[in-house]
Protein backbone atom coordinates (compact mmCIF):
# COMPACT_ATOMS: atom_id res chain seq x y z
CA MET A 1 6.35 -1.92 -21.78
CA GLY A 2 3.93 -4.30 -23.57
CA PHE A 3 1.55 -4.36 -20.66
CA GLU A 4 -1.84 -3.59 -20.01
CA PRO A 5 -4.45 -3.68 -17.30
CA LEU A 6 -6.97 -6.12 -17.80
CA GLU A 7 -9.29 -5.77 -14.70
CA VAL A 8 -9.22 -2.35 -12.38
CA GLU A 9 -12.12 -2.36 -9.65
CA GLU A 10 -11.82 -1.33 -5.94
CA GLY A 11 -8.89 -2.23 -3.68
CA ARG A 12 -7.93 -4.81 -7.11
CA ALA A 13 -5.95 -4.40 -10.59
CA LEU A 14 -4.43 -6.80 -12.48
CA PHE A 15 -2.71 -6.00 -15.19
CA VAL A 16 -2.08 -8.78 -18.57
CA CYS A 17 1.69 -9.04 -20.20
CA THR A 18 3.05 -11.53 -22.46
CA PRO A 19 6.56 -11.49 -22.95
CA ALA A 20 8.97 -10.20 -26.51
CA GLU A 21 12.51 -10.41 -26.87
CA TYR A 22 12.58 -7.50 -26.79
CA HIS A 23 12.31 -7.87 -22.55
CA TYR A 24 15.41 -9.85 -23.02
CA ASN A 25 18.79 -9.61 -21.09
CA PRO A 26 21.98 -10.40 -22.52
CA ILE A 27 21.73 -13.58 -20.06
CA GLY A 28 18.71 -14.69 -22.28
CA ALA A 29 15.78 -14.62 -19.93
CA VAL A 30 12.84 -11.93 -19.49
CA HIS A 31 15.18 -9.02 -17.53
CA GLY A 32 13.33 -8.28 -14.48
CA GLY A 33 12.55 -4.91 -14.78
CA LEU A 34 9.43 -6.26 -16.02
CA ALA A 35 8.57 -8.03 -13.21
CA CYS A 36 9.00 -5.54 -11.02
CA THR A 37 7.17 -2.66 -13.06
CA LEU A 38 4.12 -5.18 -14.17
CA LEU A 39 3.96 -5.58 -9.53
CA ASP A 40 4.91 -1.88 -9.22
CA SER A 41 1.76 -1.01 -11.46
CA ALA A 42 -0.39 -3.65 -10.32
CA MET A 43 0.08 -2.53 -6.46
CA GLY A 44 -0.04 1.04 -7.18
CA CYS A 45 -3.11 0.73 -8.91
CA ALA A 46 -5.01 -0.75 -5.85
CA VAL A 47 -4.36 1.91 -3.93
CA HIS A 48 -4.81 4.27 -6.94
CA THR A 49 -7.88 2.63 -6.02
CA MET A 50 -9.07 3.38 -2.51
CA LEU A 51 -8.42 7.16 -2.94
CA PRO A 52 -10.68 10.08 -3.81
CA ALA A 53 -10.19 12.67 -6.47
CA GLY A 54 -7.63 14.47 -5.99
CA VAL A 55 -5.93 12.12 -3.24
CA GLY A 56 -2.22 10.96 -5.00
CA TYR A 57 0.05 8.02 -4.05
CA THR A 58 3.99 7.12 -4.31
CA THR A 59 5.69 4.23 -3.81
CA VAL A 60 8.82 5.06 -0.55
CA GLU A 61 9.09 0.82 -0.32
CA LEU A 62 9.29 -1.89 -2.85
CA LYS A 63 9.86 -5.51 -1.88
CA VAL A 64 10.25 -7.69 -5.23
CA SER A 65 11.37 -11.53 -4.83
CA PHE A 66 11.48 -13.41 -8.12
CA LEU A 67 10.77 -17.16 -8.07
CA ARG A 68 11.36 -18.43 -11.51
CA PRO A 69 12.67 -17.06 -15.02
CA ILE A 70 10.72 -15.39 -17.02
CA THR A 71 11.30 -16.61 -21.22
CA LEU A 72 8.97 -15.87 -24.25
CA LYS A 73 8.12 -19.73 -23.26
CA THR A 74 6.15 -18.55 -20.45
CA GLY A 75 3.92 -17.08 -22.37
CA ARG A 76 1.06 -14.60 -20.79
CA LEU A 77 1.05 -13.08 -17.30
CA LEU A 78 -0.90 -11.45 -14.94
CA CYS A 79 -0.27 -9.31 -11.92
CA GLU A 80 -2.56 -8.88 -9.86
CA GLY A 81 -2.66 -6.97 -6.88
CA THR A 82 -4.93 -5.93 -3.87
CA ILE A 83 -4.94 -3.37 -1.08
CA ILE A 84 -3.47 -4.63 2.51
CA HIS A 85 -4.18 -1.58 4.50
CA LEU A 86 -5.21 2.09 3.73
CA GLY A 87 -4.10 4.70 6.73
CA SER A 88 -4.69 8.39 5.83
CA ARG A 89 -0.56 8.62 5.43
CA ILE A 90 0.71 5.46 4.46
CA ALA A 91 -1.10 2.09 2.24
CA THR A 92 0.65 -1.27 1.88
CA ALA A 93 -0.34 -3.50 -1.01
CA GLU A 94 0.57 -6.92 -2.75
CA ALA A 95 1.34 -8.68 -6.14
CA ARG A 96 1.68 -11.69 -7.42
CA LEU A 97 3.18 -12.72 -11.15
CA LEU A 98 1.34 -15.87 -12.36
CA ASP A 99 1.35 -17.93 -15.87
CA THR A 100 -1.87 -18.48 -17.30
CA SER A 101 -1.48 -22.17 -15.77
CA GLY A 102 -1.28 -20.97 -12.08
CA LYS A 103 2.26 -21.10 -11.93
CA LEU A 104 3.81 -18.03 -9.57
CA TYR A 105 6.69 -16.51 -10.97
CA GLY A 106 7.27 -13.05 -8.73
CA HIS A 107 4.94 -11.78 -5.44
CA ALA A 108 5.96 -8.42 -3.97
CA THR A 109 4.59 -5.87 -1.14
CA THR A 110 4.88 -2.05 -1.03
CA THR A 111 4.63 0.57 1.01
CA CYS A 112 2.95 4.21 -0.24
CA MET A 113 3.05 7.59 1.13
CA ILE A 114 -0.81 9.21 0.44
CA LEU A 115 -0.55 12.57 -0.82
CA ARG A 116 -3.12 14.72 -0.30
CA ASN A 117 -3.67 18.67 -0.80
CA LEU A 118 -2.25 18.22 -4.61
CA ALA A 119 -3.19 21.68 -5.28
CA PRO A 120 -0.41 23.44 -6.96
CA GLU A 121 0.78 26.08 -4.81
CA GLN A 122 0.88 29.56 -5.36
CA SER A 123 3.64 31.33 -7.56
CA LYS A 124 6.36 31.88 -5.04
CA PRO A 125 9.58 34.22 -6.15
CA SER A 126 12.50 32.36 -6.07
CA VAL A 127 15.64 34.21 -4.03
CA GLY A 128 17.33 35.60 -7.11
CA GLU A 129 13.69 36.43 -8.29
CA ARG A 130 12.71 39.03 -5.59
CA GLY A 131 12.79 42.73 -6.20
């Protein structure tokens, strides 16, 4: 999708993207899915930085507010995600999508489920495989 992490530290992740014509929707602006994906990625990575090795997460709720259209003229976008809360089962985070002058294009919050014990289960035969 043409974006990449710029900075990652405990509880924080910063992504960068320069909108291109291939991000456009049929009405002549960058598709909201790009902004949503940037926001979701930054928040998810902020959560991930707080987890020990072998523990995962998944988004269970995502709220995005789009504030203004993004076009080629917008230029480089920065998306910063930060952790709000980390519990044993649930984490929350927030993110802001800004241009390089600090103009806000969107913001979001997320709720993530913490996935512990991700070791693969022992293979169990399915009903049709029992002998």
